Structures are given as structure tokens and as C-alpha cells.
């Protein structure tokens, strides 16, 4: 039985009628950029995260870029972040002329290691940018304590973590000065194209972000600052509003699927593989990532059976050719480099059937027991 890594068609079946009504509502209004749908989504996502303000933007990447711009990050500045993430985390920093300062990850959670952050802080450091990877919050209590000691803002890259919670039950989005979300279609909350949002409790920061997303214009055609075209369109917002009310149910299904895998793989741990380690209160499983020294052979085996799987991420950021001038070398981030060579994401989407779950688990088990 073939099992895709993600099946958005299965999700669409259950929401099609409501999505079409929402899109028809936008078509009837002929209001396609910003407007009431975007404002409604901003309120709803902010409330979901437990903060006061949401600022809809054009993508998760632009959420990071606008957030950094709102803090005035620019040439000569440094931002401490992780080397084990999607490219946008570091790319947004470099696009503003600043320098990403990478520190290694925790080998168990794959999130940035707070113990490594403090030594990386210099007089040029202007922010800390942790990533909540694969659906689990970074250790924000420790990171926030470091940031407070040094008077630094913390920007959460929460692109994979909407609805995840720390040990105290606080949600991603409410753990730093601001948080950046992606609504790329493959995310737990995904739209029908690109979309993103920045959330914050800081009113002045929210106001700056609203200005920056419209080319720095306030009022219209008057530009005290240079921004960008970071606007979220109404059709995407309407789709997301339909999906948001179902998000917790989808998360619970992902968690059930993860529990099934954990139990199915228990006899293979730790000799053959390791399963995701849950260190925070609520892991939303944007990905279910296993780790094995035989990753590439396992991936080939699964794909030969039509089972979807993916490597997140095969090349850590500090070793990407475009960042060669930063001076990092192989071995400088050993935990991130090891994770890049040993981790594999399995299908975890909410609509998976029991037969599909058993097919994936059986294929993994057969590989190691052959």
C-alpha cells in the first residue's frame, strides 16, 4: 500500500463545502488584499496563541524579514540562531545585511541548545532567534533568562509550531517579544498558497509591523520608513479561518498517530532507531522524525514501497555554500551535522487510516529485522 508523506486531498474532502463558501464570500466582496477577512484571521490567530496582536503577512519568510526589520536589524548586527532549520531562518538575517551566529542544537529535541547561546553573544548581538522545530517549543524558559540578562529581544521562529506549548502551558507565539508563523500548505495550519503572520503582545511593535508590510506607508503614499510588500490576501485568510477551528482536532489526530508509531517502534529503540523526544507540554508533530544510523538505506527501502518520507534537513545552514564567508567548517556544529545525516520524517498527517499507519510501521520494522 502506497502512503504519501502528506495528503492534502484527504483534508480537503472534509472542508470543501465550507472553504468554497468562504472563498465565494471573498469573491462577492471583491476585496482581495487585506480587509475584513485578514483582520478576522489576525484576531483569531492572536487569541489562539494567547497574545493581543496578529499581523498577517505574505509568507513565513516575510514574517521573519518584517520582524527583524521592525527591530532595526541591519549591517553590522548579529543574530544568534540555530544551524538546523529551513533556510529562511538565516536567510532573512543575511538579507538585511546582518550576520547569523550559529550555535549547536540539543541532540534529543533538535532545537537550539540554550547552554550554547550565552557564549555566542557579543556587543554586536541584537536578537536571539530560536526555532521551534518539528512542532515542539525550544527551551524558552532558559532562552528568555539569557535574553533578559543581556537585554536582547527574542523572536520565535514558530513556522512549524502553531499550537505547541512549553512546560508551563504557554503557547508558541507568547514566549518571546514576537513570533513568526508560516501558513505554507504543508504546515499543520496551511493555506492554498503562501501566507504568514507575526504575533506579539507589544502594541508599538504591532504598529511598526503593519506599516512595514505596506512599503512603510502611513498614511498612504507617505513613507517615513522603507518597508516591503508583505501583505496577506483575503482569499488565503478566508481559507485559514475555516481551517483554524479544526486545528486542535487535527493536532490530536497527529498526536494519536505519533503514539501509534512510538508503540510500534518501541522494540527497535534504541538499538536501531530513536523516536521523537517530548520535552515540552504539547508537541504538535508538524513532522514525526525518527533517527537512525541507517537513514539513507531506510529511506530507499520506504520509497521503493511507495511510502513517503523526507529528510529535514540534509545540509545544516552553517555549511551551506552561500554562508561560506561566515567561516564555519565541518565539525563546528557536531549535533546539527549528525542530525542532518541521520533523521527521517515519516507520514503523520491527521487523515491517515489505521491501515496506512500499520503499513508505515511494518515497513520500518521489516527493514530493521530483515
Protein backbone atom coordinates (compact mmCIF):
# COMPACT_ATOMS: atom_id res chain seq x y z
CA UNK A 1 0.00 0.00 0.00
CA UNK A 2 1.38 3.38 -1.02
CA UNK A 3 1.29 6.01 1.71
CA UNK A 4 2.07 9.65 0.87
CA UNK A 5 4.10 11.82 3.20
CA UNK A 6 1.17 14.28 3.20
CA UNK A 7 -2.29 14.02 1.65
CA UNK A 8 -3.95 17.43 1.41
CA UNK A 9 -6.69 15.99 -0.79
CA UNK A 10 -7.87 13.91 2.16
CA UNK A 11 -8.05 17.04 4.30
CA UNK A 12 -9.91 18.97 1.62
CA UNK A 13 -12.70 16.39 1.38
CA UNK A 14 -13.88 17.25 4.88
CA UNK A 15 -13.82 21.02 4.46
CA UNK A 16 -14.53 21.60 0.77
CA UNK A 17 -18.06 22.94 1.13
CA UNK A 18 -17.11 25.42 3.84
CA UNK A 19 -13.96 26.52 2.02
CA UNK A 20 -15.93 27.19 -1.15
CA UNK A 21 -18.44 29.26 0.81
CA UNK A 22 -15.62 31.25 2.38
CA UNK A 23 -13.98 31.87 -0.98
CA UNK A 24 -17.32 32.82 -2.52
CA UNK A 25 -17.73 35.36 0.28
CA UNK A 26 -14.44 36.97 -0.76
CA UNK A 27 -15.36 36.85 -4.44
CA UNK A 28 -18.66 38.55 -3.72
CA UNK A 29 -16.91 41.28 -1.76
CA UNK A 30 -14.21 41.80 -4.43
CA UNK A 31 -11.92 42.76 -1.55
CA UNK A 32 -8.79 40.69 -2.22
CA UNK A 33 -5.91 42.37 -0.38
CA UNK A 34 -6.10 42.81 3.41
CA UNK A 35 -9.55 43.83 4.63
CA UNK A 36 -12.11 42.12 6.91
CA UNK A 37 -11.03 38.51 6.26
CA UNK A 38 -7.42 39.27 7.12
CA UNK A 39 -8.46 41.29 10.17
CA UNK A 40 -10.65 38.44 11.35
CA UNK A 41 -7.86 35.91 10.94
CA UNK A 42 -5.43 38.17 12.79
CA UNK A 43 -7.75 38.37 15.78
CA UNK A 44 -8.39 34.63 15.78
CA UNK A 45 -4.76 33.55 15.48
CA UNK A 46 -3.67 36.04 18.14
CA UNK A 47 -6.33 34.71 20.50
CA UNK A 48 -5.31 31.12 19.71
CA UNK A 49 -1.71 31.93 20.64
CA UNK A 50 -2.66 33.89 23.75
CA UNK A 51 -1.41 37.31 22.61
CA UNK A 52 -3.08 40.59 21.68
CA UNK A 53 -1.96 41.28 18.12
CA UNK A 54 -1.61 39.40 14.86
CA UNK A 55 -0.18 40.93 11.69
CA UNK A 56 -0.91 38.92 8.58
CA UNK A 57 1.88 38.84 6.02
CA UNK A 58 2.66 37.22 2.69
CA UNK A 59 4.71 34.22 3.91
CA UNK A 60 6.57 32.79 6.86
CA UNK A 61 9.79 34.07 5.32
CA UNK A 62 8.37 37.58 5.12
CA UNK A 63 7.18 37.26 8.70
CA UNK A 64 10.80 36.73 9.75
CA UNK A 65 12.03 39.51 7.50
CA UNK A 66 9.44 42.01 8.72
CA UNK A 67 10.06 41.05 12.34
CA UNK A 68 13.78 41.66 12.01
CA UNK A 69 13.15 44.92 10.16
CA UNK A 70 10.81 46.07 12.94
CA UNK A 71 13.71 45.71 15.38
CA UNK A 72 16.01 47.71 13.12
CA UNK A 73 18.34 44.76 12.45
CA UNK A 74 20.85 45.67 9.77
CA UNK A 75 24.50 45.77 8.68
CA UNK A 76 26.98 45.11 11.48
CA UNK A 77 24.37 43.41 13.69
CA UNK A 78 24.42 39.78 14.80
CA UNK A 79 21.50 37.44 15.48
CA UNK A 80 22.08 34.20 17.39
CA UNK A 81 20.19 31.30 15.86
CA UNK A 82 20.25 27.61 15.02
CA UNK A 83 22.00 25.94 12.06
CA UNK A 84 19.34 23.22 11.88
CA UNK A 85 16.27 24.79 10.29
CA UNK A 86 14.73 25.78 6.99
CA UNK A 87 16.85 28.27 5.05
CA UNK A 88 14.55 31.25 5.71
CA UNK A 89 15.62 31.42 9.36
CA UNK A 90 19.14 32.53 8.45
CA UNK A 91 18.34 33.90 5.01
CA UNK A 92 16.15 36.67 6.43
CA UNK A 93 19.01 37.79 8.68
CA UNK A 94 21.52 37.96 5.84
CA UNK A 95 19.10 39.76 3.51
CA UNK A 96 19.19 42.69 5.94
CA UNK A 97 22.99 42.78 5.94
CA UNK A 98 23.26 41.25 9.40
CA UNK A 99 25.22 38.15 10.41
CA UNK A 100 23.69 34.91 11.68
CA UNK A 101 25.70 33.50 14.57
CA UNK A 102 25.00 29.78 14.72
CA UNK A 103 25.06 27.70 17.88
CA UNK A 104 24.55 23.96 18.03
CA UNK A 105 21.34 22.09 18.81
CA UNK A 106 20.24 19.71 21.53
CA UNK A 107 20.78 16.19 20.16
CA UNK A 108 17.48 14.95 21.59
CA UNK A 109 14.97 17.64 20.59
CA UNK A 110 16.90 19.15 17.63
CA UNK A 111 16.08 22.62 18.98
CA UNK A 112 18.73 25.23 19.70
CA UNK A 113 20.80 24.44 22.80
CA UNK A 114 20.36 27.23 25.37
CA UNK A 115 23.64 26.24 27.02
CA UNK A 116 25.47 27.28 23.84
CA UNK A 117 23.76 30.64 23.35
CA UNK A 118 25.40 32.78 26.01
CA UNK A 119 28.95 32.20 24.77
CA UNK A 120 27.88 33.36 21.30
CA UNK A 121 26.60 36.75 22.47
CA UNK A 122 28.82 39.73 21.63
CA UNK A 123 28.35 43.52 21.74
CA UNK A 124 27.05 43.23 18.16
CA UNK A 125 24.26 40.80 19.10
CA UNK A 126 20.86 42.38 18.59
CA UNK A 127 18.46 39.43 18.93
CA UNK A 128 18.08 35.72 19.62
CA UNK A 129 16.11 33.73 17.05
CA UNK A 130 15.25 30.21 18.25
CA UNK A 131 13.26 27.81 16.09
CA UNK A 132 10.52 25.54 17.47
CA UNK A 133 11.45 22.65 15.24
CA UNK A 134 9.16 19.85 14.04
CA UNK A 135 6.30 21.05 16.28
CA UNK A 136 7.95 21.30 19.69
CA UNK A 137 8.90 24.50 21.52
CA UNK A 138 12.52 25.24 22.21
CA UNK A 139 13.51 25.65 25.86
CA UNK A 140 12.18 29.18 26.04
CA UNK A 141 12.46 29.47 29.80
CA UNK A 142 16.23 29.10 29.60
CA UNK A 143 16.49 31.19 26.43
CA UNK A 144 14.40 34.00 27.88
CA UNK A 145 16.54 34.10 31.02
CA UNK A 146 19.66 34.55 28.87
CA UNK A 147 17.96 37.22 26.79
CA UNK A 148 16.87 39.10 29.90
CA UNK A 149 20.39 39.12 31.31
CA UNK A 150 21.71 40.65 28.10
CA UNK A 151 18.78 42.91 27.28
CA UNK A 152 18.04 41.13 24.00
CA UNK A 153 14.71 40.55 22.23
CA UNK A 154 13.69 37.00 21.36
CA UNK A 155 11.98 36.31 18.04
CA UNK A 156 10.33 32.90 17.86
CA UNK A 157 10.53 31.15 14.51
CA UNK A 158 7.31 29.22 15.08
CA UNK A 159 6.71 28.27 11.46
CA UNK A 160 6.27 24.60 12.42
CA UNK A 161 4.72 25.10 15.83
CA UNK A 162 1.30 26.75 15.87
CA UNK A 163 -0.47 25.41 18.97
CA UNK A 164 2.60 23.87 20.59
CA UNK A 165 3.10 24.66 24.27
CA UNK A 166 6.03 24.92 26.66
CA UNK A 167 6.24 23.15 30.02
CA UNK A 168 4.14 25.88 31.63
CA UNK A 169 1.37 25.61 29.07
CA UNK A 170 2.18 28.84 27.25
CA UNK A 171 1.72 28.61 23.52
CA UNK A 172 4.24 29.27 20.79
CA UNK A 173 3.72 32.90 19.89
CA UNK A 174 3.52 34.05 23.50
CA UNK A 175 7.06 33.08 24.53
CA UNK A 176 9.14 35.92 23.08
CA UNK A 177 8.79 39.53 22.01
CA UNK A 178 7.19 38.28 18.80
CA UNK A 179 6.71 35.06 16.87
CA UNK A 180 6.67 34.30 13.16
CA UNK A 181 4.31 31.72 11.65
CA UNK A 182 4.13 30.16 8.20
CA UNK A 183 0.90 29.05 6.55
CA UNK A 184 2.61 27.18 3.72
CA UNK A 185 0.25 24.41 2.52
CA UNK A 186 2.21 21.59 4.18
CA UNK A 187 2.03 23.18 7.64
CA UNK A 188 -0.44 21.96 10.27
CA UNK A 189 -2.39 25.14 9.51
CA UNK A 190 -1.82 25.72 5.81
CA UNK A 191 -3.45 27.96 3.23
CA UNK A 192 -3.80 27.47 -0.53
CA UNK A 193 -0.52 29.20 -1.35
CA UNK A 194 1.87 31.33 0.66
CA UNK A 195 0.91 33.15 3.83
CA UNK A 196 2.30 34.02 7.25
CA UNK A 197 1.76 36.02 10.40
CA UNK A 198 3.68 37.80 13.13
CA UNK A 199 2.09 37.82 16.59
CA UNK A 200 3.04 39.93 19.58
CA UNK A 201 1.78 41.48 22.79
CA UNK A 202 3.66 44.72 22.07
CA UNK A 203 1.34 47.38 20.66
CA UNK A 204 4.10 49.65 19.33
CA UNK A 205 5.79 46.70 17.61
CA UNK A 206 2.49 45.64 16.05
CA UNK A 207 2.01 49.14 14.69
CA UNK A 208 5.51 49.11 13.14
CA UNK A 209 4.85 45.77 11.50
CA UNK A 210 1.58 47.00 9.99
CA UNK A 211 3.44 49.92 8.44
CA UNK A 212 6.34 47.80 7.20
CA UNK A 213 4.08 45.34 5.37
CA UNK A 214 2.72 48.12 3.14
CA UNK A 215 6.03 49.56 1.92
CA UNK A 216 6.45 51.63 5.08
CA UNK A 217 3.44 53.74 4.16
CA UNK A 218 1.49 55.67 6.82
CA UNK A 219 -0.66 57.40 5.76
CA UNK A 220 -0.95 56.11 2.21
CA UNK A 221 1.77 57.43 -0.10
CA UNK A 222 3.73 58.87 2.82
CA UNK A 223 6.85 56.89 3.76
CA UNK A 224 8.80 57.62 6.90
CA UNK A 225 10.47 54.20 6.62
CA UNK A 226 11.18 51.68 3.86
CA UNK A 227 9.13 48.53 4.17
CA UNK A 228 8.08 45.89 1.70
CA UNK A 229 5.09 44.31 0.04
CA UNK A 230 4.31 41.81 2.79
CA UNK A 231 0.51 41.87 2.59
CA UNK A 232 -1.69 38.80 3.14
CA UNK A 233 -4.52 38.37 0.67
CA UNK A 234 -8.12 37.85 1.68
CA UNK A 235 -8.62 34.51 -0.10
CA UNK A 236 -5.84 32.91 1.93
CA UNK A 237 -7.19 34.41 5.14
CA UNK A 238 -10.68 33.06 4.40
CA UNK A 239 -9.31 29.55 3.86
CA UNK A 240 -7.26 29.72 7.04
CA UNK A 241 -10.26 30.81 9.11
CA UNK A 242 -12.10 27.67 8.03
CA UNK A 243 -9.13 25.52 8.98
CA UNK A 244 -8.23 27.21 12.27
CA UNK A 245 -11.35 26.00 14.07
CA UNK A 246 -10.36 22.42 13.17
CA UNK A 247 -6.70 22.75 14.10
CA UNK A 248 -6.90 21.31 17.61
CA UNK A 249 -8.74 18.25 16.32
CA UNK A 250 -6.12 17.75 13.64
CA UNK A 251 -3.39 18.14 16.26
CA UNK A 252 -4.98 15.47 18.43
CA UNK A 253 -5.03 13.12 15.43
CA UNK A 254 -1.34 13.77 14.79
CA UNK A 255 -0.60 13.06 18.44
CA UNK A 256 -2.52 9.77 18.24
CA UNK A 257 -0.57 8.80 15.15
CA UNK A 258 2.69 9.65 16.89
CA UNK A 259 1.70 7.49 19.86
CA UNK A 260 0.97 4.60 17.49
CA UNK A 261 4.44 4.93 15.97
CA UNK A 262 6.08 5.21 19.39
CA UNK A 263 4.47 1.96 20.48
CA UNK A 264 5.15 0.21 17.18
CA UNK A 265 8.83 1.15 17.27
CA UNK A 266 9.42 0.56 20.97
CA UNK A 267 11.15 -2.78 20.36
CA UNK A 268 13.53 -1.10 17.89
CA UNK A 269 14.66 1.58 20.37
CA UNK A 270 17.39 2.45 21.00
CA UNK A 271 19.42 -0.17 19.15
CA UNK A 272 18.07 0.62 15.69
CA UNK A 273 16.34 3.98 15.91
CA UNK A 274 15.10 6.69 18.23
CA UNK A 275 11.65 8.29 18.19
CA UNK A 276 10.83 11.96 18.92
CA UNK A 277 11.59 13.04 22.47
CA UNK A 278 8.84 15.11 24.07
CA UNK A 279 10.34 17.67 26.45
CA UNK A 280 7.57 20.25 26.40
CA UNK A 281 3.88 20.12 27.32
CA UNK A 282 2.37 19.97 23.83
CA UNK A 283 4.13 18.65 20.74
CA UNK A 284 2.00 19.21 17.62
CA UNK A 285 4.03 16.92 15.31
CA UNK A 286 4.40 19.10 12.27
CA UNK A 287 6.77 16.25 11.47
CA UNK A 288 7.35 12.86 13.08
CA UNK A 289 11.11 12.45 12.87
CA UNK A 290 12.98 9.25 13.67
CA UNK A 291 16.74 8.91 13.83
CA UNK A 292 18.92 6.04 12.67
CA UNK A 293 22.46 5.46 11.51
CA UNK A 294 20.98 3.63 8.52
CA UNK A 295 18.83 6.56 7.42
CA UNK A 296 19.62 6.57 3.72
CA UNK A 297 19.08 2.84 3.29
CA UNK A 298 15.80 3.04 5.22
CA UNK A 299 14.65 5.95 3.07
CA UNK A 300 15.41 3.97 -0.10
CA UNK A 301 13.51 0.98 1.29
CA UNK A 302 10.43 3.03 2.16
CA UNK A 303 10.35 4.83 -1.16
CA UNK A 304 10.63 1.52 -3.02
CA UNK A 305 7.37 0.56 -1.31
CA UNK A 306 5.66 3.84 -2.19
CA UNK A 307 5.86 5.18 1.36
CA UNK A 308 6.56 8.89 1.55
CA UNK A 309 9.42 10.12 3.70
CA UNK A 310 11.61 13.21 3.76
CA UNK A 311 14.89 14.47 5.18
CA UNK A 312 14.59 17.70 7.17
CA UNK A 313 17.34 18.95 6.68
CA UNK A 314 20.16 17.23 4.74
CA UNK A 315 22.56 20.19 4.94
CA UNK A 316 22.83 22.32 8.10
CA UNK A 317 22.81 26.04 7.47
CA UNK A 318 26.34 26.75 8.68
CA UNK A 319 27.72 24.52 5.88
CA UNK A 320 25.61 25.92 3.05
CA UNK A 321 27.82 27.35 0.27
CA UNK A 322 26.16 30.77 0.40
CA UNK A 323 27.29 31.14 4.03
CA UNK A 324 30.90 30.08 3.42
CA UNK A 325 32.17 33.56 4.24
CA UNK A 326 30.90 33.15 7.81
CA UNK A 327 33.85 30.83 8.41
CA UNK A 328 32.16 27.69 9.74
CA UNK A 329 33.72 24.31 8.96
CA UNK A 330 32.58 20.69 9.17
CA UNK A 331 32.68 19.64 12.80
CA UNK A 332 31.87 23.09 14.18
CA UNK A 333 28.25 22.11 14.95
CA UNK A 334 28.52 18.35 15.56
CA UNK A 335 24.98 17.75 16.81
CA UNK A 336 23.36 19.59 13.90
CA UNK A 337 25.62 17.80 11.44
CA UNK A 338 24.82 14.40 12.93
CA UNK A 339 21.09 15.11 12.84
CA UNK A 340 21.34 16.14 9.19
CA UNK A 341 22.79 12.74 8.37
CA UNK A 342 20.54 10.54 10.50
CA UNK A 343 16.98 11.91 10.71
CA UNK A 344 13.97 10.97 8.60
CA UNK A 345 10.37 12.24 8.68
CA UNK A 346 7.54 9.72 8.31
CA UNK A 347 3.90 10.37 7.35
CA UNK A 348 1.96 11.80 10.30
CA UNK A 349 -0.94 13.74 8.74
CA UNK A 350 -4.27 13.63 10.61
CA UNK A 351 -6.29 11.76 8.00
CA UNK A 352 -4.05 8.67 8.00
CA UNK A 353 -6.02 5.46 8.36
CA UNK A 354 -5.09 2.68 10.75
CA UNK A 355 -4.10 0.60 7.73
CA UNK A 356 -1.75 3.32 6.49
CA UNK A 357 -0.14 3.68 9.91
CA UNK A 358 0.35 -0.07 10.13
CA UNK A 359 1.84 -0.11 6.63
CA UNK A 360 4.46 2.50 7.52
CA UNK A 361 5.28 0.92 10.88
CA UNK A 362 5.51 -2.53 9.32
CA UNK A 363 7.82 -1.35 6.56
CA UNK A 364 10.19 0.28 9.06
CA UNK A 365 10.14 -2.79 11.29
CA UNK A 366 10.74 -5.16 8.39
CA UNK A 367 13.75 -3.13 7.29
CA UNK A 368 15.50 -3.47 10.64
CA UNK A 369 14.51 -7.09 11.21
CA UNK A 370 15.48 -8.34 7.75
